[in-house]
Amino acid sequence: SEVGGLKEVSFAVKGPGAWSKFQYESGVHRVQRVPTTEAQGRIHTSTVTVAVLPEPEEVELPSIPAKDLQIDVYRASGPGGQGVNTTDSAVRIRHLPTGLMVTCQDERSQLRNKEKAMRVLRARLLDQLQHSQQQEIASSRRKQVGTGERSEKVRTYNFPDRRVTDHRISLTLRRLDRVMEGELEDLVKALAADWQQKNPSGAGRP
């Protein structure tokens, strides 16, 4: 806008324990302050939505069990020449769990056609897995940020009172300036302790 500001910020935090600490920051954060453009000194309320997502690991394609494959061989068709229509060199592979099917008749050798078809099948399965992972991440983000309404707030930053309140654990700190400089340790410890108390078995940790 004409007075500056940011609409959206994306960044990565790396290091031991990063996810375990920052996972609690997801949700709607409410800000109460008097803008510099406010002539009457009235407090304005706004919100920002925060999504914290673990960086996905490289997707490794597991080995494909033979029982998941249906392999058919047949005679290659083509413009003619030696080897065409004389041997069952063409290969069709169907991945039964997903229904993906790959055919190859580029080579005269059935073995080489099978190897080629398997490479293509693996690549398609990998693409499918990555797409599925991306959908899971997008779904997780939507659940975290909600609609952005104030009623969904997890924390309030009140600048006139120098107060920070985390509504999930009813904790209020009166040192907003230090929190805004990144001193989140007290909030993180309190949220982690509350989670441990509610989930003593450790089940359901994000």
C-alpha atoms as a PDB file:
ATOM      1  CA  SER A   1       0.000   0.000   0.000  1.00  0.00           C
ATOM      2  CA  GLU A   2       1.010   3.650  -0.010  1.00  0.00           C
ATOM      3  CA  VAL A   3       2.246   3.340   3.585  1.00  0.00           C
ATOM      4  CA  GLY A   4       4.263   0.193   2.933  1.00  0.00           C
ATOM      5  CA  GLY A   5       3.785  -3.233   4.446  1.00  0.00           C
ATOM      6  CA  LEU A   6       3.899  -6.838   3.350  1.00  0.00           C
ATOM      7  CA  LYS A   7       1.080  -8.984   1.999  1.00  0.00           C
ATOM      8  CA  GLU A   8       2.772 -12.368   2.257  1.00  0.00           C
ATOM      9  CA  VAL A   9       6.083 -13.737   3.512  1.00  0.00           C
ATOM     10  CA  SER A  10       7.519 -17.226   3.018  1.00  0.00           C
ATOM     11  CA  PHE A  11      10.741 -18.347   4.640  1.00  0.00           C
ATOM     12  CA  ALA A  12      12.521 -21.467   5.838  1.00  0.00           C
ATOM     13  CA  VAL A  13      13.924 -22.165   9.286  1.00  0.00           C
ATOM     14  CA  LYS A  14      16.594 -24.850   9.451  1.00  0.00           C
ATOM     15  CA  GLY A  15      18.355 -26.435  12.388  1.00  0.00           C
ATOM     16  CA  PRO A  16      17.936 -29.100  15.079  1.00  0.00           C
ATOM     17  CA  GLY A  17      14.468 -28.958  16.644  1.00  0.00           C
ATOM     18  CA  ALA A  18      13.143 -26.242  14.317  1.00  0.00           C
ATOM     19  CA  TRP A  19       9.863 -28.034  13.609  1.00  0.00           C
ATOM     20  CA  SER A  20       9.304 -29.022  17.251  1.00  0.00           C
ATOM     21  CA  LYS A  21       9.506 -25.368  18.302  1.00  0.00           C
ATOM     22  CA  PHE A  22       7.807 -23.507  15.479  1.00  0.00           C
ATOM     23  CA  GLN A  23       4.910 -25.900  14.936  1.00  0.00           C
ATOM     24  CA  TYR A  24       2.954 -24.026  17.622  1.00  0.00           C
ATOM     25  CA  GLU A  25       3.030 -20.767  15.642  1.00  0.00           C
ATOM     26  CA  SER A  26       0.449 -21.924  13.101  1.00  0.00           C
ATOM     27  CA  GLY A  27      -2.937 -20.262  13.240  1.00  0.00           C
ATOM     28  CA  VAL A  28      -4.463 -16.786  13.284  1.00  0.00           C
ATOM     29  CA  HIS A  29      -2.424 -14.066  15.023  1.00  0.00           C
ATOM     30  CA  ARG A  30      -4.325 -10.930  16.018  1.00  0.00           C
ATOM     31  CA  VAL A  31      -2.673  -7.517  16.195  1.00  0.00           C
ATOM     32  CA  GLN A  32      -4.109  -4.559  18.131  1.00  0.00           C
ATOM     33  CA  ARG A  33      -2.355  -1.256  17.543  1.00  0.00           C
ATOM     34  CA  VAL A  34      -2.851   2.442  16.777  1.00  0.00           C
ATOM     35  CA  PRO A  35      -1.791   3.006  13.146  1.00  0.00           C
ATOM     36  CA  THR A  36       0.262   6.064  12.281  1.00  0.00           C
ATOM     37  CA  THR A  37      -2.616   7.144  10.032  1.00  0.00           C
ATOM     38  CA  GLU A  38      -5.128   7.098  12.929  1.00  0.00           C
ATOM     39  CA  ALA A  39      -5.758  10.725  13.969  1.00  0.00           C
ATOM     40  CA  GLN A  40      -8.125   9.937  16.867  1.00  0.00           C
ATOM     41  CA  GLY A  41      -5.835   7.431  18.587  1.00  0.00           C
ATOM     42  CA  ARG A  42      -8.275   4.555  18.153  1.00  0.00           C
ATOM     43  CA  ILE A  43      -7.006   0.981  18.358  1.00  0.00           C
ATOM     44  CA  HIS A  44      -7.314  -0.997  15.143  1.00  0.00           C
ATOM     45  CA  THR A  45      -7.429  -4.783  15.026  1.00  0.00           C
ATOM     46  CA  SER A  46      -6.076  -6.878  12.183  1.00  0.00           C
ATOM     47  CA  THR A  47      -5.035 -10.475  11.694  1.00  0.00           C
ATOM     48  CA  VAL A  48      -2.364 -12.463   9.959  1.00  0.00           C
ATOM     49  CA  THR A  49      -2.542 -16.183   9.260  1.00  0.00           C
ATOM     50  CA  VAL A  50       0.526 -18.332   9.816  1.00  0.00           C
ATOM     51  CA  ALA A  51       1.137 -21.805   8.411  1.00  0.00           C
ATOM     52  CA  VAL A  52       4.089 -23.875   9.614  1.00  0.00           C
ATOM     53  CA  LEU A  53       4.885 -26.878   7.468  1.00  0.00           C
ATOM     54  CA  PRO A  54       7.707 -29.400   7.739  1.00  0.00           C
ATOM     55  CA  GLU A  55       9.843 -29.391   4.625  1.00  0.00           C
ATOM     56  CA  PRO A  56       9.047 -32.575   2.697  1.00  0.00           C
ATOM     57  CA  GLU A  57      11.789 -35.124   2.413  1.00  0.00           C
ATOM     58  CA  GLU A  58      12.858 -36.420  -0.955  1.00  0.00           C
ATOM     59  CA  VAL A  59      10.313 -38.973  -2.058  1.00  0.00           C
ATOM     60  CA  GLU A  60      11.952 -42.347  -2.473  1.00  0.00           C
ATOM     61  CA  LEU A  61      10.118 -44.824  -4.608  1.00  0.00           C
ATOM     62  CA  PRO A  62       9.921 -48.190  -2.842  1.00  0.00           C
ATOM     63  CA  SER A  63      10.686 -51.371  -4.695  1.00  0.00           C
ATOM     64  CA  ILE A  64       7.734 -52.663  -6.672  1.00  0.00           C
ATOM     65  CA  PRO A  65       6.679 -56.204  -5.669  1.00  0.00           C
ATOM     66  CA  ALA A  66       6.309 -58.606  -8.567  1.00  0.00           C
ATOM     67  CA  LYS A  67       2.748 -59.408  -7.444  1.00  0.00           C
ATOM     68  CA  ASP A  68       1.805 -55.765  -8.162  1.00  0.00           C
ATOM     69  CA  LEU A  69       2.781 -56.064 -11.820  1.00  0.00           C
ATOM     70  CA  GLN A  70       0.986 -57.606 -14.762  1.00  0.00           C
ATOM     71  CA  ILE A  71       3.452 -58.062 -17.616  1.00  0.00           C
ATOM     72  CA  ASP A  72       2.279 -58.978 -21.098  1.00  0.00           C
ATOM     73  CA  VAL A  73       4.450 -59.572 -24.150  1.00  0.00           C
ATOM     74  CA  TYR A  74       3.294 -59.364 -27.740  1.00  0.00           C
ATOM     75  CA  ARG A  75       4.640 -58.917 -31.208  1.00  0.00           C
ATOM     76  CA  ALA A  76       5.759 -55.417 -32.033  1.00  0.00           C
ATOM     77  CA  SER A  77       4.028 -53.580 -34.838  1.00  0.00           C
ATOM     78  CA  GLY A  78       5.807 -51.120 -37.035  1.00  0.00           C
ATOM     79  CA  PRO A  79       6.938 -50.143 -40.518  1.00  0.00           C
ATOM     80  CA  GLY A  80       8.613 -53.478 -41.119  1.00  0.00           C
ATOM     81  CA  GLY A  81      12.178 -54.668 -41.126  1.00  0.00           C
ATOM     82  CA  GLN A  82      13.974 -57.492 -39.474  1.00  0.00           C
ATOM     83  CA  GLY A  83      12.626 -58.522 -36.111  1.00  0.00           C
ATOM     84  CA  VAL A  84       9.258 -56.810 -36.473  1.00  0.00           C
ATOM     85  CA  ASN A  85       6.273 -59.170 -36.133  1.00  0.00           C
ATOM     86  CA  THR A  86       8.573 -62.170 -35.794  1.00  0.00           C
ATOM     87  CA  THR A  87       9.152 -62.307 -32.037  1.00  0.00           C
ATOM     88  CA  ASP A  88       7.180 -61.332 -28.951  1.00  0.00           C
ATOM     89  CA  SER A  89       9.502 -58.427 -28.095  1.00  0.00           C
ATOM     90  CA  ALA A  90       6.964 -55.714 -27.179  1.00  0.00           C
ATOM     91  CA  VAL A  91       6.154 -55.365 -23.489  1.00  0.00           C
ATOM     92  CA  ARG A  92       3.112 -53.993 -21.654  1.00  0.00           C
ATOM     93  CA  ILE A  93       3.350 -53.505 -17.890  1.00  0.00           C
ATOM     94  CA  ARG A  94       0.372 -52.662 -15.697  1.00  0.00           C
ATOM     95  CA  HIS A  95       0.811 -51.562 -12.082  1.00  0.00           C
ATOM     96  CA  LEU A  96      -2.192 -53.242 -10.473  1.00  0.00           C
ATOM     97  CA  PRO A  97      -2.576 -51.058  -7.317  1.00  0.00           C
ATOM     98  CA  THR A  98      -2.762 -47.814  -9.334  1.00  0.00           C
ATOM     99  CA  GLY A  99      -3.848 -48.995 -12.765  1.00  0.00           C
ATOM    100  CA  LEU A 100      -0.905 -47.247 -14.435  1.00  0.00           C
ATOM    101  CA  MET A 101       0.087 -48.927 -17.688  1.00  0.00           C
ATOM    102  CA  VAL A 102       3.227 -48.557 -19.788  1.00  0.00           C
ATOM    103  CA  THR A 103       4.050 -50.161 -23.127  1.00  0.00           C
ATOM    104  CA  CYS A 104       7.375 -50.302 -24.949  1.00  0.00           C
ATOM    105  CA  GLN A 105       8.331 -51.778 -28.314  1.00  0.00           C
ATOM    106  CA  ASP A 106      11.269 -49.557 -29.198  1.00  0.00           C
ATOM    107  CA  GLU A 107      13.871 -52.301 -28.920  1.00  0.00           C
ATOM    108  CA  ARG A 108      14.118 -55.665 -30.642  1.00  0.00           C
ATOM    109  CA  SER A 109      14.994 -57.250 -27.304  1.00  0.00           C
ATOM    110  CA  GLN A 110      12.138 -58.107 -24.986  1.00  0.00           C
ATOM    111  CA  LEU A 111      14.475 -57.615 -22.024  1.00  0.00           C
ATOM    112  CA  ARG A 112      15.470 -54.093 -23.077  1.00  0.00           C
ATOM    113  CA  ASN A 113      11.845 -53.168 -23.733  1.00  0.00           C
ATOM    114  CA  LYS A 114      10.941 -54.430 -20.279  1.00  0.00           C
ATOM    115  CA  GLU A 115      13.741 -52.386 -18.681  1.00  0.00           C
ATOM    116  CA  LYS A 116      12.594 -49.270 -20.541  1.00  0.00           C
ATOM    117  CA  ALA A 117       8.981 -49.819 -19.565  1.00  0.00           C
ATOM    118  CA  MET A 118       9.957 -50.272 -15.907  1.00  0.00           C
ATOM    119  CA  ARG A 119      11.910 -46.993 -15.928  1.00  0.00           C
ATOM    120  CA  VAL A 120       8.915 -45.145 -17.333  1.00  0.00           C
ATOM    121  CA  LEU A 121       6.581 -46.834 -14.836  1.00  0.00           C
ATOM    122  CA  ARG A 122       8.821 -45.880 -11.916  1.00  0.00           C
ATOM    123  CA  ALA A 123       8.965 -42.267 -13.117  1.00  0.00           C
ATOM    124  CA  ARG A 124       5.173 -42.094 -13.339  1.00  0.00           C
ATOM    125  CA  LEU A 125       4.737 -43.651  -9.904  1.00  0.00           C
ATOM    126  CA  LEU A 126       7.227 -41.154  -8.472  1.00  0.00           C
ATOM    127  CA  ASP A 127       5.314 -38.274 -10.040  1.00  0.00           C
ATOM    128  CA  GLN A 128       2.098 -39.645  -8.549  1.00  0.00           C
ATOM    129  CA  LEU A 129       3.672 -39.901  -5.077  1.00  0.00           C
ATOM    130  CA  GLN A 130       5.034 -36.354  -5.258  1.00  0.00           C
ATOM    131  CA  HIS A 131       1.646 -35.022  -6.368  1.00  0.00           C
ATOM    132  CA  SER A 132      -0.014 -36.822  -3.451  1.00  0.00           C
ATOM    133  CA  GLN A 133       2.529 -35.342  -1.034  1.00  0.00           C
ATOM    134  CA  GLN A 134       1.930 -31.833  -2.368  1.00  0.00           C
ATOM    135  CA  GLN A 135      -1.825 -32.273  -1.878  1.00  0.00           C
ATOM    136  CA  GLU A 136      -1.265 -33.366   1.730  1.00  0.00           C
ATOM    137  CA  ILE A 137       0.867 -30.263   2.374  1.00  0.00           C
ATOM    138  CA  ALA A 138      -1.771 -27.988   0.829  1.00  0.00           C
ATOM    139  CA  SER A 139      -4.481 -29.639   2.932  1.00  0.00           C
ATOM    140  CA  SER A 140      -2.376 -29.191   6.080  1.00  0.00           C
ATOM    141  CA  ARG A 141      -1.903 -25.512   5.302  1.00  0.00           C
ATOM    142  CA  ARG A 142      -5.641 -24.953   4.783  1.00  0.00           C
ATOM    143  CA  LYS A 143      -6.404 -26.604   8.128  1.00  0.00           C
ATOM    144  CA  GLN A 144      -3.831 -24.431   9.901  1.00  0.00           C
ATOM    145  CA  VAL A 145      -4.833 -21.024   8.606  1.00  0.00           C
ATOM    146  CA  GLY A 146      -8.600 -21.613   8.658  1.00  0.00           C
ATOM    147  CA  THR A 147     -10.610 -18.700   7.339  1.00  0.00           C
ATOM    148  CA  GLY A 148      -8.477 -16.029   8.981  1.00  0.00           C
ATOM    149  CA  GLU A 149     -11.363 -14.801  11.135  1.00  0.00           C
ATOM    150  CA  ARG A 150     -10.542 -13.112  14.455  1.00  0.00           C
ATOM    151  CA  SER A 151     -12.580 -15.711  16.330  1.00  0.00           C
ATOM    152  CA  GLU A 152      -9.993 -18.337  15.284  1.00  0.00           C
ATOM    153  CA  LYS A 153      -7.125 -16.409  16.889  1.00  0.00           C
ATOM    154  CA  VAL A 154      -4.364 -18.296  18.683  1.00  0.00           C
ATOM    155  CA  ARG A 155      -2.458 -15.239  19.912  1.00  0.00           C
ATOM    156  CA  THR A 156      -2.986 -11.498  20.355  1.00  0.00           C
ATOM    157  CA  TYR A 157      -0.321  -8.793  20.189  1.00  0.00           C
ATOM    158  CA  ASN A 158      -1.558  -5.637  21.947  1.00  0.00           C
ATOM    159  CA  PHE A 159       0.843  -2.773  21.262  1.00  0.00           C
ATOM    160  CA  PRO A 160      -0.703  -0.061  23.512  1.00  0.00           C
ATOM    161  CA  ASP A 161      -0.388  -2.380  26.554  1.00  0.00           C
ATOM    162  CA  ARG A 162       2.858  -4.059  25.427  1.00  0.00           C
ATOM    163  CA  ARG A 163       1.009  -7.334  25.958  1.00  0.00           C
ATOM    164  CA  VAL A 164       1.136 -10.737  24.230  1.00  0.00           C
ATOM    165  CA  THR A 165      -1.580 -13.284  25.033  1.00  0.00           C
ATOM    166  CA  ASP A 166      -1.641 -16.855  23.824  1.00  0.00           C
ATOM    167  CA  HIS A 167      -5.288 -17.865  23.997  1.00  0.00           C
ATOM    168  CA  ARG A 168      -4.642 -21.606  23.759  1.00  0.00           C
ATOM    169  CA  ILE A 169      -2.991 -21.703  27.168  1.00  0.00           C
ATOM    170  CA  SER A 170      -4.238 -18.385  28.643  1.00  0.00           C
ATOM    171  CA  LEU A 171      -0.681 -17.076  28.980  1.00  0.00           C
ATOM    172  CA  THR A 172      -0.010 -13.329  28.978  1.00  0.00           C
ATOM    173  CA  LEU A 173       3.439 -11.751  28.736  1.00  0.00           C
ATOM    174  CA  ARG A 174       3.917  -8.007  29.157  1.00  0.00           C
ATOM    175  CA  ARG A 175       7.040  -7.637  27.061  1.00  0.00           C
ATOM    176  CA  LEU A 176       5.746  -7.319  23.539  1.00  0.00           C
ATOM    177  CA  ASP A 177       8.862  -5.498  22.325  1.00  0.00           C
ATOM    178  CA  ARG A 178      11.085  -8.460  23.207  1.00  0.00           C
ATOM    179  CA  VAL A 179       8.681 -10.988  21.675  1.00  0.00           C
ATOM    180  CA  MET A 180       8.643  -8.958  18.465  1.00  0.00           C
ATOM    181  CA  GLU A 181      12.429  -9.174  18.441  1.00  0.00           C
ATOM    182  CA  GLY A 182      12.158 -12.958  18.397  1.00  0.00           C
ATOM    183  CA  GLU A 183      12.238 -13.935  22.071  1.00  0.00           C
ATOM    184  CA  LEU A 184       9.652 -16.702  21.811  1.00  0.00           C
ATOM    185  CA  GLU A 185      11.251 -19.173  24.200  1.00  0.00           C
ATOM    186  CA  ASP A 186       8.791 -18.640  27.068  1.00  0.00           C
ATOM    187  CA  LEU A 187       5.823 -19.062  24.724  1.00  0.00           C
ATOM    188  CA  VAL A 188       7.290 -22.138  23.059  1.00  0.00           C
ATOM    189  CA  LYS A 189       8.128 -23.830  26.371  1.00  0.00           C
ATOM    190  CA  ALA A 190       4.662 -23.155  27.786  1.00  0.00           C
ATOM    191  CA  LEU A 191       2.921 -24.460  24.657  1.00  0.00           C
ATOM    192  CA  ALA A 192       5.110 -27.572  24.567  1.00  0.00           C
ATOM    193  CA  ALA A 193       4.447 -28.256  28.256  1.00  0.00           C
ATOM    194  CA  ASP A 194       0.706 -27.857  27.718  1.00  0.00           C
ATOM    195  CA  TRP A 195       0.787 -30.283  24.802  1.00  0.00           C
ATOM    196  CA  GLN A 196       2.747 -32.824  26.832  1.00  0.00           C
ATOM    197  CA  GLN A 197       0.248 -32.566  29.672  1.00  0.00           C
ATOM    198  CA  LYS A 198      -2.690 -33.158  27.342  1.00  0.00           C
ATOM    199  CA  ASN A 199      -0.900 -35.914  25.419  1.00  0.00           C
ATOM    200  CA  PRO A 200       1.196 -37.847  27.952  1.00  0.00           C
ATOM    201  CA  SER A 201       1.530 -40.805  25.597  1.00  0.00           C
ATOM    202  CA  GLY A 202       2.931 -38.626  22.838  1.00  0.00           C
ATOM    203  CA  ALA A 203       0.261 -39.802  20.406  1.00  0.00           C
ATOM    204  CA  GLY A 204      -0.923 -37.401  17.754  1.00  0.00           C
ATOM    205  CA  ARG A 205       2.140 -35.158  17.664  1.00  0.00           C
ATOM    206  CA  PRO A 206       2.130 -33.197  14.396  1.00  0.00           C
END
